[in-house]
Amino acid sequence: MSVVRRVARPLLALTFIDGGWDAFRHPSAKAERAAPLIDKLAPALGVPNDPEMLVRANGLTMMGAGVLFALGRAPRTSATVMAVSLIPTTLAGHPFWEADDPAQRRQQRLHFLKNLGLLGGLLIASVDTAGKPGMSWRAQRAAKDASRTARQAKRDARHVAQTARREAKLARAQLVDALPIG
């Protein structure tokens, strides 16, 4: 792993570890802000309409994925999980469009945009293969290799068949020459 990844991953994960821990330990204030969004989404998603429980679950998710990401364990998966958990957190926690006070609106918009920046970084991290080929490239490469092998096997089989026909023709000719004509 490069030095940049060793430093950047924990730095990016710290926000999620700290925020997740705080959401797990003190969910009431966050649950109050998340309640309107949860009321709209819970029935559609088939989850219980319990804001405190969902805030705690989101906090644990953020914290767990953050720790895994910081340690470099399953970094693409953990980055994706953090990105997915950031979306409802941002929508429920920083609805700047609902603020009446200009200063409050500015502050909420700043946090909203900061979270969008974090989301962008997580999206990049979720596709970062650290210089190693990804699964889709490997699958495409395997398919190309299999196709090449099949074409070569077909050419080899055609060559063997032609050689066998030639050998059979020669053997027949030798047999005919060896027969006594009488």
Protein backbone atom coordinates (compact mmCIF):
# COMPACT_ATOMS: atom_id res chain seq x y z
CA MET A 1 0.00 0.00 0.00
CA SER A 2 1.37 3.42 -0.88
CA VAL A 3 2.22 6.01 1.75
CA VAL A 4 -0.58 8.26 0.50
CA ARG A 5 -3.16 5.50 1.02
CA ARG A 6 -1.74 4.67 4.46
CA VAL A 7 -2.22 8.29 5.53
CA ALA A 8 -5.37 9.22 3.57
CA ARG A 9 -7.56 6.28 4.54
CA PRO A 10 -7.42 6.87 8.31
CA LEU A 11 -7.88 10.62 7.79
CA LEU A 12 -11.00 10.06 5.71
CA ALA A 13 -12.28 7.41 8.13
CA LEU A 14 -11.87 9.54 11.28
CA THR A 15 -14.99 11.59 10.58
CA PHE A 16 -17.06 8.42 10.25
CA ILE A 17 -15.59 6.72 13.30
CA ASP A 18 -16.13 9.78 15.49
CA GLY A 19 -19.56 10.61 14.06
CA GLY A 20 -20.67 7.00 14.28
CA TRP A 21 -19.56 6.70 17.90
CA ASP A 22 -21.39 9.92 18.79
CA ALA A 23 -24.55 8.80 16.99
CA PHE A 24 -24.46 5.47 18.80
CA ARG A 25 -23.91 6.99 22.26
CA HIS A 26 -26.16 10.07 21.93
CA PRO A 27 -28.84 9.34 19.32
CA SER A 28 -31.67 11.52 20.69
CA ALA A 29 -30.75 14.88 19.09
CA LYS A 30 -29.92 13.25 15.78
CA ALA A 31 -33.06 11.09 15.93
CA GLU A 32 -35.15 14.22 16.39
CA ARG A 33 -33.69 15.77 13.22
CA ALA A 34 -33.92 12.47 11.32
CA ALA A 35 -37.53 11.72 12.34
CA PRO A 36 -39.20 13.51 9.38
CA LEU A 37 -36.98 11.72 6.86
CA ILE A 38 -37.43 8.37 8.64
CA ASP A 39 -41.21 8.85 8.71
CA LYS A 40 -41.15 9.21 4.91
CA LEU A 41 -38.67 6.43 4.12
CA ALA A 42 -39.27 3.74 6.78
CA PRO A 43 -42.48 2.29 5.27
CA ALA A 44 -41.01 2.28 1.74
CA LEU A 45 -37.82 0.55 2.89
CA GLY A 46 -39.58 -1.86 5.23
CA VAL A 47 -37.62 -0.81 8.31
CA PRO A 48 -39.05 -0.01 11.74
CA ASN A 49 -40.12 3.56 12.29
CA ASP A 50 -37.86 4.01 15.31
CA PRO A 51 -35.58 7.02 14.73
CA GLU A 52 -33.29 6.36 17.71
CA MET A 53 -32.68 2.76 16.72
CA LEU A 54 -32.02 3.69 13.09
CA VAL A 55 -29.66 6.51 14.12
CA ARG A 56 -27.75 4.05 16.35
CA ALA A 57 -27.65 1.46 13.56
CA ASN A 58 -26.36 4.07 11.10
CA GLY A 59 -23.77 5.12 13.69
CA LEU A 60 -22.55 1.55 14.14
CA THR A 61 -22.43 1.11 10.39
CA MET A 62 -20.37 4.27 9.95
CA MET A 63 -18.07 3.36 12.81
CA GLY A 64 -17.50 -0.24 11.68
CA ALA A 65 -16.91 0.69 8.05
CA GLY A 66 -14.65 3.55 9.15
CA VAL A 67 -12.48 1.26 11.26
CA LEU A 68 -12.21 -1.28 8.43
CA PHE A 69 -11.36 1.46 5.95
CA ALA A 70 -8.75 3.03 8.25
CA LEU A 71 -7.08 -0.37 8.69
CA GLY A 72 -7.16 -1.04 4.95
CA ARG A 73 -9.42 -4.09 5.34
CA ALA A 74 -11.95 -4.42 2.51
CA PRO A 75 -11.35 -0.76 1.61
CA ARG A 76 -13.60 -0.66 -1.46
CA THR A 77 -16.51 -2.30 0.34
CA SER A 78 -16.10 -0.20 3.49
CA ALA A 79 -15.86 3.00 1.41
CA THR A 80 -19.09 2.06 -0.35
CA VAL A 81 -20.82 1.35 2.97
CA MET A 82 -19.67 4.71 4.36
CA ALA A 83 -20.90 6.47 1.21
CA VAL A 84 -24.32 4.83 1.48
CA SER A 85 -24.59 5.68 5.19
CA LEU A 86 -23.55 9.28 4.53
CA ILE A 87 -26.51 10.00 2.25
CA PRO A 88 -29.32 9.80 4.86
CA THR A 89 -27.04 11.42 7.44
CA THR A 90 -26.52 14.41 5.16
CA LEU A 91 -30.16 14.72 4.12
CA ALA A 92 -31.46 14.47 7.69
CA GLY A 93 -28.67 16.36 9.43
CA HIS A 94 -28.14 19.34 7.15
CA PRO A 95 -31.36 20.39 5.37
CA PHE A 96 -30.18 23.93 4.63
CA TRP A 97 -33.21 24.50 2.36
CA GLU A 98 -35.47 24.42 5.43
CA ALA A 99 -33.53 26.97 7.52
CA ASP A 100 -35.11 30.42 7.89
CA ASP A 101 -32.16 32.24 9.47
CA PRO A 102 -29.55 33.19 6.81
CA ALA A 103 -26.65 32.40 9.15
CA GLN A 104 -28.14 29.02 10.02
CA ARG A 105 -28.84 28.34 6.34
CA ARG A 106 -25.23 29.21 5.46
CA GLN A 107 -23.89 26.94 8.23
CA GLN A 108 -26.09 24.00 7.19
CA ARG A 109 -25.21 24.49 3.52
CA LEU A 110 -21.51 24.48 4.43
CA HIS A 111 -21.89 21.14 6.27
CA PHE A 112 -24.03 19.76 3.44
CA LEU A 113 -21.34 20.64 0.87
CA LYS A 114 -18.61 19.25 3.14
CA ASN A 115 -20.49 15.95 3.26
CA LEU A 116 -20.81 16.00 -0.53
CA GLY A 117 -17.02 16.39 -0.69
CA LEU A 118 -16.62 13.42 1.65
CA LEU A 119 -19.04 11.47 -0.55
CA GLY A 120 -16.90 12.27 -3.59
CA GLY A 121 -13.78 11.03 -1.81
CA LEU A 122 -15.57 7.85 -0.76
CA LEU A 123 -16.78 7.23 -4.30
CA ILE A 124 -13.21 7.51 -5.56
CA ALA A 125 -12.03 5.18 -2.77
CA SER A 126 -14.78 2.69 -3.58
CA VAL A 127 -13.37 2.15 -7.08
CA ASP A 128 -9.67 2.42 -6.15
CA THR A 129 -7.99 -0.90 -6.90
CA ALA A 130 -4.62 0.25 -5.51
CA GLY A 131 -2.99 -0.47 -8.85
CA LYS A 132 -4.30 -4.03 -8.99
CA PRO A 133 -6.78 -5.10 -11.64
CA GLY A 134 -10.41 -5.12 -10.55
CA MET A 135 -12.81 -8.02 -10.84
CA SER A 136 -14.44 -6.79 -14.05
CA TRP A 137 -11.06 -6.44 -15.77
CA ARG A 138 -10.06 -9.90 -14.58
CA ALA A 139 -13.34 -11.37 -15.87
CA GLN A 140 -12.95 -9.66 -19.26
CA ARG A 141 -9.35 -10.84 -19.45
CA ALA A 142 -10.34 -14.43 -18.61
CA ALA A 143 -13.04 -14.35 -21.31
CA LYS A 144 -10.55 -13.01 -23.87
CA ASP A 145 -7.99 -15.66 -22.90
CA ALA A 146 -10.62 -18.42 -23.15
CA SER A 147 -11.67 -17.19 -26.59
CA ARG A 148 -8.05 -17.11 -27.77
CA THR A 149 -7.48 -20.63 -26.42
CA ALA A 150 -10.63 -21.91 -28.20
CA ARG A 151 -9.53 -20.36 -31.52
CA GLN A 152 -6.07 -21.93 -31.16
CA ALA A 153 -7.59 -25.33 -30.30
CA LYS A 154 -9.80 -25.11 -33.41
CA ARG A 155 -6.76 -24.33 -35.60
CA ASP A 156 -4.79 -27.19 -34.03
CA ALA A 157 -7.70 -29.62 -34.54
CA ARG A 158 -8.01 -28.56 -38.20
CA HIS A 159 -4.27 -29.07 -38.69
CA VAL A 160 -4.37 -32.52 -37.03
CA ALA A 161 -7.36 -33.52 -39.22
CA GLN A 162 -5.56 -32.43 -42.41
CA THR A 163 -2.45 -34.33 -41.39
CA ALA A 164 -4.52 -37.44 -40.61
CA ARG A 165 -6.25 -37.25 -44.04
CA ARG A 166 -2.88 -36.91 -45.77
CA GLU A 167 -1.45 -39.84 -43.82
CA ALA A 168 -4.53 -41.98 -44.61
CA LYS A 169 -4.24 -41.14 -48.31
CA LEU A 170 -0.55 -42.09 -48.30
CA ALA A 171 -1.30 -45.32 -46.42
CA ARG A 172 -3.98 -46.24 -48.99
CA ALA A 173 -1.62 -45.51 -51.85
CA GLN A 174 1.08 -47.70 -50.26
CA LEU A 175 -1.46 -50.46 -49.69
CA VAL A 176 -2.57 -50.34 -53.32
CA ASP A 177 1.05 -50.43 -54.49
CA ALA A 178 1.78 -53.40 -52.22
CA LEU A 179 -1.14 -55.49 -53.54
CA PRO A 180 -0.19 -58.08 -56.16
CA ILE A 181 -1.92 -57.46 -59.42
CA GLY A 182 -2.73 -60.61 -61.05
